[in-house]
Amino acid sequence: MADPRFKVVELRSNWSERHAAFVAGLGTFSLTRSLITRLGAAGRFGSVITDLDLQPTPRPYQEAGEYCQACGICIDRCPCRAVDHMGKDNGLCKAYLDTTLALYAPRYGCGKCQTAVPCEAGIPRRHS
């Protein structure tokens, strides 16, 4: 994000570190649009763009949401009800974050939907 060509407008960027991580085989998406990796969903990503030739490695998954169990715990954790079984409403989330910014500037944020959930610290186990 240090390059001025990368922009974020209304919580949407023209470069997605999560999508780059998905393509690289690091994880799959949750209902909250976070990326669930072997180390969990509560994390951050960065990317490096290079022309270096690298050998591809197989991804350990096939589907974009394969690691998410759709258990719904993240839905209950969201204080502004921006998450449901269809995904996350960025408008509701942004409105809530704007409120927390007004109250707690310069520190603000949330992330409750990514904590105290089965995918917080790793890929949830499948229940048979």
Protein backbone atom coordinates (compact mmCIF):
# COMPACT_ATOMS: atom_id res chain seq x y z
CA MET A 1 0.00 0.00 0.00
CA ALA A 2 3.06 2.28 -0.01
CA ASP A 3 2.68 2.80 -3.76
CA PRO A 4 0.32 5.71 -4.58
CA ARG A 5 -1.29 3.66 -7.37
CA PHE A 6 -3.01 1.56 -4.71
CA LYS A 7 -6.22 3.21 -3.57
CA VAL A 8 -8.93 2.46 -1.02
CA VAL A 9 -12.37 4.03 -1.55
CA GLU A 10 -15.39 3.13 0.62
CA LEU A 11 -13.55 0.12 2.12
CA ARG A 12 -12.74 -1.23 -1.36
CA SER A 13 -9.25 -1.26 -2.77
CA ASN A 14 -7.95 -1.72 -6.29
CA TRP A 15 -5.48 -4.29 -4.91
CA SER A 16 -6.47 -7.01 -2.51
CA GLU A 17 -3.82 -8.57 -0.31
CA ARG A 18 -6.37 -11.25 0.69
CA HIS A 19 -7.07 -12.18 -2.92
CA ALA A 20 -3.35 -12.33 -3.69
CA ALA A 21 -2.96 -14.65 -0.66
CA PHE A 22 -5.87 -16.81 -1.89
CA VAL A 23 -4.31 -17.13 -5.35
CA ALA A 24 -0.97 -17.98 -3.73
CA GLY A 25 -2.62 -20.89 -1.90
CA LEU A 26 -2.53 -19.44 1.62
CA GLY A 27 -6.23 -19.78 2.47
CA THR A 28 -9.91 -19.44 1.60
CA PHE A 29 -12.57 -16.86 2.41
CA SER A 30 -14.99 -16.75 5.35
CA LEU A 31 -18.51 -15.32 5.59
CA THR A 32 -16.88 -12.09 6.80
CA ARG A 33 -14.59 -12.02 3.74
CA SER A 34 -11.53 -12.56 5.91
CA LEU A 35 -9.06 -15.17 4.72
CA ILE A 36 -8.89 -18.36 6.77
CA THR A 37 -5.34 -19.72 6.76
CA ARG A 38 -3.65 -22.53 8.66
CA LEU A 39 -2.84 -19.85 11.26
CA GLY A 40 -6.40 -18.52 11.38
CA ALA A 41 -8.47 -15.60 10.16
CA ALA A 42 -7.36 -12.82 12.51
CA GLY A 43 -4.33 -11.60 10.59
CA ARG A 44 -2.93 -9.25 7.96
CA PHE A 45 -1.31 -9.84 4.58
CA GLY A 46 1.20 -8.07 2.43
CA SER A 47 2.38 -8.81 -1.07
CA VAL A 48 5.45 -8.28 -3.17
CA ILE A 49 5.20 -7.87 -6.93
CA THR A 50 8.16 -9.30 -8.80
CA ASP A 51 9.15 -10.72 -12.17
CA LEU A 52 11.12 -13.53 -10.49
CA ASP A 53 10.41 -16.98 -11.94
CA LEU A 54 8.92 -19.14 -9.19
CA GLN A 55 7.77 -22.75 -9.32
CA PRO A 56 4.06 -22.92 -8.52
CA THR A 57 2.97 -25.17 -5.69
CA PRO A 58 -0.43 -26.84 -5.66
CA ARG A 59 -3.15 -25.18 -3.61
CA PRO A 60 -4.46 -27.36 -0.79
CA TYR A 61 -8.07 -26.35 -1.63
CA GLN A 62 -10.40 -26.14 -4.63
CA GLU A 63 -13.15 -23.69 -3.61
CA ALA A 64 -12.97 -20.02 -2.54
CA GLY A 65 -14.84 -20.68 0.72
CA GLU A 66 -13.66 -24.21 1.40
CA TYR A 67 -12.26 -23.63 4.91
CA CYS A 68 -15.33 -21.76 6.18
CA GLN A 69 -17.79 -24.00 8.04
CA ALA A 70 -20.57 -21.37 7.78
CA CYS A 71 -21.18 -22.02 11.49
CA GLY A 72 -22.56 -18.50 11.93
CA ILE A 73 -20.62 -17.63 15.07
CA CYS A 74 -19.11 -14.63 13.25
CA ILE A 75 -22.67 -13.44 12.53
CA ASP A 76 -23.45 -13.36 16.25
CA ARG A 77 -20.11 -11.63 17.01
CA CYS A 78 -20.76 -8.67 14.69
CA PRO A 79 -21.98 -5.73 16.82
CA CYS A 80 -23.65 -3.94 13.89
CA ARG A 81 -25.16 -7.01 12.21
CA ALA A 82 -23.17 -6.47 9.01
CA VAL A 83 -22.58 -10.24 8.60
CA ASP A 84 -25.14 -12.84 7.62
CA HIS A 85 -25.05 -16.20 5.82
CA MET A 86 -24.78 -14.36 2.49
CA GLY A 87 -21.62 -12.50 3.55
CA LYS A 88 -20.77 -9.05 4.87
CA ASP A 89 -22.48 -5.72 4.15
CA ASN A 90 -19.60 -3.26 3.76
CA GLY A 91 -21.96 -0.29 4.15
CA LEU A 92 -23.13 -1.37 7.62
CA CYS A 93 -19.57 -2.22 8.62
CA LYS A 94 -18.25 1.16 7.42
CA ALA A 95 -20.99 3.05 9.27
CA TYR A 96 -20.07 1.23 12.47
CA LEU A 97 -16.35 1.88 11.97
CA ASP A 98 -17.06 5.57 11.30
CA THR A 99 -18.92 5.69 14.65
CA THR A 100 -16.02 4.07 16.49
CA LEU A 101 -13.60 6.48 14.80
CA ALA A 102 -15.66 9.45 16.00
CA LEU A 103 -15.62 8.07 19.56
CA TYR A 104 -12.06 6.76 19.84
CA ALA A 105 -9.91 8.61 17.28
CA PRO A 106 -7.17 8.03 16.38
CA ARG A 107 -7.64 4.42 17.53
CA TYR A 108 -10.66 2.67 16.13
CA GLY A 109 -11.73 -0.55 14.51
CA CYS A 110 -13.54 -3.71 15.29
CA GLY A 111 -12.60 -7.20 14.09
CA LYS A 112 -14.98 -8.89 16.52
CA CYS A 113 -16.24 -11.12 13.69
CA GLN A 114 -12.72 -12.57 13.44
CA THR A 115 -12.20 -13.29 17.15
CA ALA A 116 -13.71 -15.96 19.42
CA VAL A 117 -14.71 -17.94 16.31
CA PRO A 118 -13.62 -21.45 15.25
CA CYS A 119 -11.41 -20.08 12.46
CA GLU A 120 -9.63 -17.48 14.59
CA ALA A 121 -6.49 -19.55 15.12
CA GLY A 122 -6.60 -22.08 12.28
CA ILE A 123 -8.70 -23.98 9.77
CA PRO A 124 -11.77 -25.37 11.56
CA ARG A 125 -12.11 -29.13 11.66
CA ARG A 126 -14.85 -30.60 9.52
CA HIS A 127 -17.58 -32.34 11.46
CA SER A 128 -18.78 -35.55 9.83
